[in-house]
Each structure stands twice: as C-alpha cells, then as structure tokens.
Amino acid sequence: MRLFDLRPQMIHGVLIALLVLSLPSSMPAFAAKKMQLTASYTGGGVAIEIAGRVFEPNNASVSNALISIQVNNPQATTIGVSAVYSDNQGRYGVSFPLPADYEAGNYTAYLVAEKPGYDTARLTLSFTIAKPDFTMETSTT
C-alpha cells in the first residue's frame, strides 16, 4: 500500500511552489528605524571640535552608532577624517587639529551615522574659520 501517490503532474506543481517560495522578496523582512543626527562646530586657530547627538524621531538616544566625519577646507581638500561611536546618550565628539598654515574661509564637515537596524543618517555642516589679524609674543624682559 502506497501512502503517497506522486504523479508527474503533482511533482511538477510542488516544484513550482517551492521555486516561488524561494524567490527573493522585494519587500524587506523588517522596516529599518529612522535615525537623526545633529552636529555643531567650535574652535579655530588650533583645532576644530565637532560634537552632536544621534537620536530617533521620538528623541530616544541611539547608542553605539558609528559616525564617520570628513572635514574639508575652503578649497575642498580633506584636512581630517575620523570615525567615532555615540555614547549611551547618543552623544559623540571629535577634534581635528588645524595645520599651522590653515586658511581662513568656509569649511565643510560631512557626517554619516550608521547602525544595524536603522536607516543611514547624513548631515552636512558648514562653518567659517577666521584667522586672527594679530600675533602675540612674550618676552622675559
């Protein structure tokens, strides 16, 4: 006595069903969470400090997000690249030393925050650095 009667037509139908089930879906298995990024600049003269926060739209902090930062001078030449992780409050910060012969003008920082399970967040920060118009010297006399 046979438990299964597998006719060629049935095998063909089963194979088609398995093939359809194994095709990749155009729908993602899950929707990535949204992530936002803030940044501010301080400094000039010796170094550029860039700091900010990574958070969800409901203001919940995103910890351990990787923030990649590239700073360009007024001629669009890269003067610094860094990668840092956000802390438990979503905060991050990095310092870029300025070369001794740095130029005054408009600088640009490009920031990208990434973390598995989240959409990538991008931010461009523009700021101006001025050169002092005086110098200071000390003397022992």
N, C-alpha and C. Protein backbone atom coordinates (compact mmCIF):
# COMPACT_ATOMS: atom_id res chain seq x y z
N MET A 1 0.83 -1.17 0.00
CA MET A 1 0.00 0.00 0.00
C MET A 1 0.88 1.24 0.00
N ARG A 2 0.58 2.20 -0.89
CA ARG A 2 1.36 3.42 -1.01
C ARG A 2 0.65 4.53 -0.25
N LEU A 3 1.40 5.24 0.57
CA LEU A 3 0.82 6.36 1.31
C LEU A 3 0.65 7.59 0.44
N PHE A 4 1.59 7.82 -0.47
CA PHE A 4 1.54 8.99 -1.34
C PHE A 4 1.52 8.53 -2.78
N ASP A 5 0.64 9.11 -3.52
CA ASP A 5 0.56 8.82 -4.95
C ASP A 5 1.16 10.03 -5.66
N LEU A 6 2.47 10.00 -5.96
CA LEU A 6 3.16 11.12 -6.59
C LEU A 6 3.19 10.93 -8.10
N ARG A 7 2.30 11.60 -8.74
CA ARG A 7 2.26 11.57 -10.19
C ARG A 7 3.15 12.68 -10.73
N PRO A 8 3.62 12.59 -11.94
CA PRO A 8 4.49 13.63 -12.51
C PRO A 8 3.87 15.02 -12.45
N GLN A 9 2.56 15.15 -12.64
CA GLN A 9 1.92 16.46 -12.57
C GLN A 9 2.01 17.04 -11.16
N MET A 10 1.87 16.21 -10.15
CA MET A 10 1.95 16.66 -8.77
C MET A 10 3.37 17.10 -8.42
N ILE A 11 4.34 16.33 -8.86
CA ILE A 11 5.73 16.69 -8.61
C ILE A 11 6.05 18.03 -9.25
N HIS A 12 5.57 18.23 -10.48
CA HIS A 12 5.79 19.49 -11.19
C HIS A 12 5.18 20.66 -10.41
N GLY A 13 3.96 20.49 -9.89
CA GLY A 13 3.30 21.54 -9.12
C GLY A 13 4.03 21.85 -7.82
N VAL A 14 4.52 20.82 -7.14
CA VAL A 14 5.26 21.00 -5.90
C VAL A 14 6.57 21.75 -6.18
N LEU A 15 7.25 21.40 -7.24
CA LEU A 15 8.50 22.08 -7.59
C LEU A 15 8.26 23.56 -7.91
N ILE A 16 7.20 23.88 -8.62
CA ILE A 16 6.88 25.28 -8.92
C ILE A 16 6.58 26.04 -7.63
N ALA A 17 5.83 25.43 -6.73
CA ALA A 17 5.51 26.08 -5.45
C ALA A 17 6.78 26.34 -4.64
N LEU A 18 7.68 25.36 -4.61
CA LEU A 18 8.94 25.56 -3.89
C LEU A 18 9.79 26.64 -4.54
N LEU A 19 9.79 26.71 -5.85
CA LEU A 19 10.55 27.73 -6.54
C LEU A 19 10.01 29.12 -6.23
N VAL A 20 8.70 29.29 -6.24
CA VAL A 20 8.09 30.58 -5.95
C VAL A 20 8.40 30.98 -4.51
N LEU A 21 8.35 30.05 -3.58
CA LEU A 21 8.63 30.36 -2.19
C LEU A 21 10.10 30.73 -1.95
N SER A 22 10.99 30.23 -2.81
CA SER A 22 12.41 30.50 -2.60
C SER A 22 12.87 31.78 -3.29
N LEU A 23 12.03 32.42 -4.10
CA LEU A 23 12.43 33.66 -4.77
C LEU A 23 12.59 34.77 -3.75
N PRO A 24 13.59 35.63 -3.94
CA PRO A 24 13.74 36.75 -3.00
C PRO A 24 12.56 37.70 -3.11
N SER A 25 12.16 38.19 -1.98
CA SER A 25 11.03 39.12 -1.92
C SER A 25 11.53 40.54 -2.12
N SER A 26 10.74 41.36 -2.81
CA SER A 26 11.09 42.76 -2.97
C SER A 26 10.73 43.55 -1.71
N MET A 27 9.98 42.96 -0.83
CA MET A 27 9.61 43.60 0.42
C MET A 27 10.65 43.25 1.48
N PRO A 28 11.13 44.23 2.23
CA PRO A 28 12.10 43.91 3.28
C PRO A 28 11.45 43.07 4.38
N ALA A 29 12.28 42.28 5.04
CA ALA A 29 11.77 41.44 6.12
C ALA A 29 11.32 42.30 7.30
N PHE A 30 11.93 43.48 7.47
CA PHE A 30 11.54 44.40 8.53
C PHE A 30 11.85 45.81 8.06
N ALA A 31 11.18 46.76 8.62
CA ALA A 31 11.43 48.16 8.27
C ALA A 31 12.49 48.72 9.21
N ALA A 32 13.49 49.38 8.64
CA ALA A 32 14.54 49.97 9.46
C ALA A 32 14.00 51.17 10.22
N LYS A 33 14.52 51.38 11.41
CA LYS A 33 14.12 52.53 12.21
C LYS A 33 14.76 53.78 11.64
N LYS A 34 14.14 54.90 11.89
CA LYS A 34 14.68 56.20 11.47
C LYS A 34 15.67 56.69 12.53
N MET A 35 16.70 57.38 12.07
CA MET A 35 17.72 57.92 12.95
C MET A 35 18.04 59.33 12.47
N GLN A 36 18.24 60.25 13.42
CA GLN A 36 18.57 61.63 13.09
C GLN A 36 19.91 61.98 13.71
N LEU A 37 20.53 63.02 13.16
CA LEU A 37 21.88 63.39 13.54
C LEU A 37 21.97 64.90 13.67
N THR A 38 22.58 65.38 14.75
CA THR A 38 22.86 66.80 14.90
C THR A 38 24.37 66.98 15.02
N ALA A 39 24.84 68.18 14.70
CA ALA A 39 26.27 68.47 14.83
C ALA A 39 26.46 69.96 15.01
N SER A 40 27.50 70.31 15.76
CA SER A 40 27.87 71.72 15.91
C SER A 40 29.39 71.81 15.89
N TYR A 41 29.87 72.99 15.58
CA TYR A 41 31.30 73.23 15.47
C TYR A 41 31.73 74.26 16.49
N THR A 42 32.90 74.08 17.07
CA THR A 42 33.55 75.10 17.89
C THR A 42 35.03 75.04 17.58
N GLY A 43 35.72 76.09 17.84
CA GLY A 43 37.16 76.08 17.67
C GLY A 43 37.64 77.02 16.59
N GLY A 44 38.81 76.72 16.12
CA GLY A 44 39.51 77.56 15.17
C GLY A 44 40.86 77.90 15.75
N GLY A 45 41.80 78.22 14.92
CA GLY A 45 43.13 78.55 15.41
C GLY A 45 44.00 77.33 15.60
N VAL A 46 43.62 76.42 16.48
CA VAL A 46 44.43 75.24 16.76
C VAL A 46 43.71 73.96 16.33
N ALA A 47 42.40 73.90 16.60
CA ALA A 47 41.65 72.68 16.30
C ALA A 47 40.19 73.01 16.02
N ILE A 48 39.54 72.09 15.35
CA ILE A 48 38.10 72.14 15.10
C ILE A 48 37.47 71.05 15.95
N GLU A 49 36.48 71.41 16.74
CA GLU A 49 35.74 70.44 17.55
C GLU A 49 34.36 70.27 16.92
N ILE A 50 34.00 69.03 16.64
CA ILE A 50 32.67 68.73 16.13
C ILE A 50 32.01 67.78 17.10
N ALA A 51 30.82 68.14 17.54
CA ALA A 51 30.08 67.33 18.51
C ALA A 51 28.61 67.33 18.14
N GLY A 52 27.90 66.33 18.60
CA GLY A 52 26.47 66.27 18.32
C GLY A 52 25.82 65.08 19.00
N ARG A 53 24.68 64.71 18.44
CA ARG A 53 23.87 63.65 19.05
C ARG A 53 23.17 62.87 17.96
N VAL A 54 22.97 61.57 18.21
CA VAL A 54 22.23 60.67 17.33
C VAL A 54 21.00 60.23 18.10
N PHE A 55 19.82 60.34 17.46
CA PHE A 55 18.58 60.02 18.17
C PHE A 55 17.49 59.60 17.18
N GLU A 56 16.46 58.96 17.73
CA GLU A 56 15.29 58.56 16.95
C GLU A 56 14.33 59.75 16.87
N PRO A 57 13.35 59.73 15.95
CA PRO A 57 12.40 60.84 15.85
C PRO A 57 11.64 61.13 17.15
N ASN A 58 11.49 60.13 18.03
CA ASN A 58 10.81 60.36 19.31
C ASN A 58 11.78 60.88 20.37
N ASN A 59 13.00 61.25 19.96
CA ASN A 59 14.06 61.82 20.80
C ASN A 59 14.79 60.77 21.66
N ALA A 60 14.52 59.49 21.46
CA ALA A 60 15.24 58.45 22.18
C ALA A 60 16.68 58.39 21.65
N SER A 61 17.64 58.33 22.54
CA SER A 61 19.05 58.30 22.15
C SER A 61 19.38 57.01 21.42
N VAL A 62 20.29 57.11 20.45
CA VAL A 62 20.79 55.94 19.74
C VAL A 62 22.26 55.77 20.15
N SER A 63 22.51 54.76 20.94
CA SER A 63 23.88 54.50 21.38
C SER A 63 24.59 53.58 20.39
N ASN A 64 25.91 53.62 20.41
CA ASN A 64 26.75 52.76 19.57
C ASN A 64 26.51 52.91 18.08
N ALA A 65 26.09 54.08 17.65
CA ALA A 65 26.00 54.36 16.22
C ALA A 65 27.39 54.80 15.77
N LEU A 66 27.80 54.36 14.60
CA LEU A 66 29.10 54.74 14.05
C LEU A 66 28.93 56.05 13.27
N ILE A 67 29.65 57.08 13.68
CA ILE A 67 29.58 58.38 13.00
C ILE A 67 30.90 58.59 12.28
N SER A 68 30.85 58.69 10.96
CA SER A 68 32.02 58.97 10.13
C SER A 68 32.00 60.45 9.79
N ILE A 69 33.14 61.11 9.95
CA ILE A 69 33.22 62.56 9.75
C ILE A 69 34.41 62.88 8.85
N GLN A 70 34.15 63.72 7.86
CA GLN A 70 35.21 64.23 6.99
C GLN A 70 35.11 65.74 6.98
N VAL A 71 36.24 66.42 7.21
CA VAL A 71 36.28 67.88 7.22
C VAL A 71 37.11 68.35 6.03
N ASN A 72 36.54 69.28 5.25
CA ASN A 72 37.23 69.84 4.09
C ASN A 72 37.49 71.32 4.31
N ASN A 73 38.63 71.81 3.79
CA ASN A 73 38.96 73.22 3.89
C ASN A 73 38.26 74.02 2.77
N PRO A 74 38.48 75.33 2.68
CA PRO A 74 37.80 76.14 1.66
C PRO A 74 38.07 75.69 0.22
N GLN A 75 39.19 75.01 -0.04
CA GLN A 75 39.48 74.51 -1.39
C GLN A 75 38.94 73.10 -1.62
N ALA A 76 38.11 72.60 -0.70
CA ALA A 76 37.51 71.26 -0.77
C ALA A 76 38.54 70.15 -0.63
N THR A 77 39.67 70.45 -0.01
CA THR A 77 40.68 69.44 0.28
C THR A 77 40.40 68.88 1.67
N THR A 78 40.44 67.58 1.79
CA THR A 78 40.19 66.94 3.08
C THR A 78 41.33 67.24 4.05
N ILE A 79 40.99 67.76 5.22
CA ILE A 79 42.01 68.03 6.24
C ILE A 79 41.89 67.06 7.42
N GLY A 80 40.82 66.30 7.47
CA GLY A 80 40.67 65.34 8.56
C GLY A 80 39.53 64.37 8.32
N VAL A 81 39.74 63.12 8.73
CA VAL A 81 38.72 62.08 8.66
C VAL A 81 38.75 61.34 9.99
N SER A 82 37.59 61.04 10.52
CA SER A 82 37.53 60.33 11.79
C SER A 82 36.25 59.50 11.86
N ALA A 83 36.27 58.50 12.72
CA ALA A 83 35.09 57.69 12.99
C ALA A 83 34.99 57.52 14.50
N VAL A 84 33.81 57.78 15.05
CA VAL A 84 33.56 57.65 16.48
C VAL A 84 32.22 56.97 16.69
N TYR A 85 32.01 56.44 17.88
CA TYR A 85 30.73 55.84 18.25
C TYR A 85 29.99 56.76 19.21
N SER A 86 28.68 56.76 19.11
CA SER A 86 27.88 57.53 20.05
C SER A 86 27.85 56.81 21.40
N ASP A 87 27.74 57.60 22.48
CA ASP A 87 27.70 57.02 23.82
C ASP A 87 26.26 56.63 24.18
N ASN A 88 26.01 56.28 25.43
CA ASN A 88 24.68 55.83 25.85
C ASN A 88 23.60 56.90 25.71
N GLN A 89 24.00 58.17 25.70
CA GLN A 89 23.05 59.26 25.50
C GLN A 89 23.01 59.70 24.04
N GLY A 90 23.65 58.96 23.16
CA GLY A 90 23.66 59.28 21.74
C GLY A 90 24.66 60.37 21.36
N ARG A 91 25.45 60.84 22.31
CA ARG A 91 26.39 61.94 22.06
C ARG A 91 27.70 61.41 21.46
N TYR A 92 28.35 62.30 20.71
CA TYR A 92 29.66 62.00 20.15
C TYR A 92 30.43 63.30 20.03
N GLY A 93 31.72 63.20 19.88
CA GLY A 93 32.55 64.37 19.69
C GLY A 93 33.91 63.98 19.18
N VAL A 94 34.51 64.85 18.39
CA VAL A 94 35.83 64.59 17.83
C VAL A 94 36.54 65.92 17.59
N SER A 95 37.85 65.87 17.64
CA SER A 95 38.66 67.07 17.44
C SER A 95 39.59 66.85 16.25
N PHE A 96 39.66 67.84 15.37
CA PHE A 96 40.56 67.80 14.23
C PHE A 96 41.58 68.93 14.38
N PRO A 97 42.86 68.61 14.50
CA PRO A 97 43.86 69.68 14.58
C PRO A 97 43.96 70.41 13.25
N LEU A 98 44.12 71.71 13.31
CA LEU A 98 44.31 72.50 12.10
C LEU A 98 45.81 72.59 11.79
N PRO A 99 46.18 72.53 10.52
CA PRO A 99 47.59 72.71 10.20
C PRO A 99 48.03 74.13 10.53
N ALA A 100 49.31 74.32 10.77
CA ALA A 100 49.83 75.64 11.13
C ALA A 100 49.52 76.68 10.06
N ASP A 101 49.48 76.27 8.81
CA ASP A 101 49.22 77.20 7.71
C ASP A 101 47.76 77.14 7.23
N TYR A 102 46.84 76.87 8.14
CA TYR A 102 45.43 76.75 7.75
C TYR A 102 44.93 78.05 7.11
N GLU A 103 43.89 77.91 6.31
CA GLU A 103 43.31 79.05 5.60
C GLU A 103 42.04 79.52 6.28
N ALA A 104 41.81 80.81 6.25
CA ALA A 104 40.53 81.34 6.70
C ALA A 104 39.51 81.08 5.60
N GLY A 105 38.27 80.88 5.98
CA GLY A 105 37.23 80.68 4.97
C GLY A 105 36.18 79.70 5.43
N ASN A 106 35.42 79.23 4.45
CA ASN A 106 34.30 78.32 4.71
C ASN A 106 34.76 76.87 4.68
N TYR A 107 34.56 76.18 5.78
CA TYR A 107 34.90 74.78 5.91
C TYR A 107 33.60 73.96 5.88
N THR A 108 33.71 72.69 5.51
CA THR A 108 32.55 71.81 5.44
C THR A 108 32.87 70.48 6.11
N ALA A 109 31.96 70.02 6.94
CA ALA A 109 32.08 68.69 7.56
C ALA A 109 30.93 67.83 7.04
N TYR A 110 31.27 66.64 6.57
CA TYR A 110 30.28 65.67 6.10
C TYR A 110 30.19 64.57 7.15
N LEU A 111 29.00 64.33 7.65
CA LEU A 111 28.79 63.34 8.70
C LEU A 111 27.81 62.27 8.24
N VAL A 112 28.11 61.04 8.59
CA VAL A 112 27.24 59.90 8.28
C VAL A 112 27.14 59.05 9.53
N ALA A 113 25.91 58.76 9.98
CA ALA A 113 25.68 57.90 11.14
C ALA A 113 25.05 56.59 10.65
N GLU A 114 25.62 55.48 11.11
CA GLU A 114 25.12 54.16 10.71
C GLU A 114 25.03 53.24 11.91
N LYS A 115 23.99 52.42 11.89
CA LYS A 115 23.83 51.38 12.91
C LYS A 115 22.89 50.33 12.34
N PRO A 116 23.23 49.04 12.51
CA PRO A 116 22.33 47.99 12.02
C PRO A 116 20.92 48.17 12.58
N GLY A 117 19.93 48.00 11.71
CA GLY A 117 18.53 48.14 12.11
C GLY A 117 17.99 49.55 11.92
N TYR A 118 18.86 50.49 11.51
CA TYR A 118 18.47 51.88 11.31
C TYR A 118 18.80 52.34 9.89
N ASP A 119 18.01 53.29 9.39
CA ASP A 119 18.36 53.95 8.15
C ASP A 119 19.60 54.80 8.40
N THR A 120 20.42 54.99 7.39
CA THR A 120 21.60 55.84 7.50
C THR A 120 21.18 57.30 7.60
N ALA A 121 21.80 58.04 8.51
CA ALA A 121 21.53 59.48 8.66
C ALA A 121 22.74 60.24 8.13
N ARG A 122 22.49 61.31 7.38
CA ARG A 122 23.57 62.13 6.81
C ARG A 122 23.33 63.59 7.16
N LEU A 123 24.44 64.31 7.32
CA LEU A 123 24.36 65.73 7.66
C LEU A 123 25.59 66.43 7.10
N THR A 124 25.38 67.62 6.55
CA THR A 124 26.48 68.47 6.10
C THR A 124 26.49 69.71 6.98
N LEU A 125 27.64 69.99 7.56
CA LEU A 125 27.80 71.13 8.46
C LEU A 125 28.79 72.10 7.82
N SER A 126 28.37 73.33 7.61
CA SER A 126 29.24 74.37 7.06
C SER A 126 29.54 75.40 8.14
N PHE A 127 30.79 75.85 8.19
CA PHE A 127 31.17 76.84 9.19
C PHE A 127 32.35 77.64 8.65
N THR A 128 32.55 78.81 9.23
CA THR A 128 33.62 79.71 8.80
C THR A 128 34.68 79.81 9.89
N ILE A 129 35.91 79.72 9.47
CA ILE A 129 37.04 79.90 10.38
C ILE A 129 37.78 81.14 9.93
N ALA A 130 38.00 82.05 10.87
CA ALA A 130 38.75 83.28 10.59
C ALA A 130 40.15 83.15 11.18
N LYS A 131 41.08 83.84 10.57
CA LYS A 131 42.44 83.89 11.11
C LYS A 131 42.56 85.17 11.92
N PRO A 132 43.20 85.10 13.06
CA PRO A 132 43.38 86.33 13.83
C PRO A 132 44.22 87.34 13.03
N ASP A 133 43.91 88.60 13.21
CA ASP A 133 44.66 89.62 12.48
C ASP A 133 45.77 90.22 13.36
N PHE A 134 46.18 89.48 14.36
CA PHE A 134 47.29 89.92 15.21
C PHE A 134 48.07 88.71 15.69
N THR A 135 49.26 88.95 16.19
CA THR A 135 50.04 87.89 16.80
C THR A 135 50.48 88.34 18.17
N MET A 136 50.81 87.41 19.01
CA MET A 136 51.24 87.71 20.36
C MET A 136 52.60 87.08 20.59
N GLU A 137 53.47 87.83 21.18
CA GLU A 137 54.77 87.29 21.53
C GLU A 137 55.04 87.62 22.98
N THR A 138 55.76 86.76 23.64
CA THR A 138 56.11 87.02 25.03
C THR A 138 57.60 87.27 25.14
N SER A 139 57.96 88.01 26.13
CA SER A 139 59.36 88.32 26.37
C SER A 139 59.62 88.25 27.86
N THR A 140 60.81 87.88 28.24
CA THR A 140 61.14 87.79 29.65
C THR A 140 61.54 89.15 30.23
N THR A 141 61.66 90.17 29.39
CA THR A 141 62.05 91.49 29.91
C THR A 141 60.88 92.31 30.36
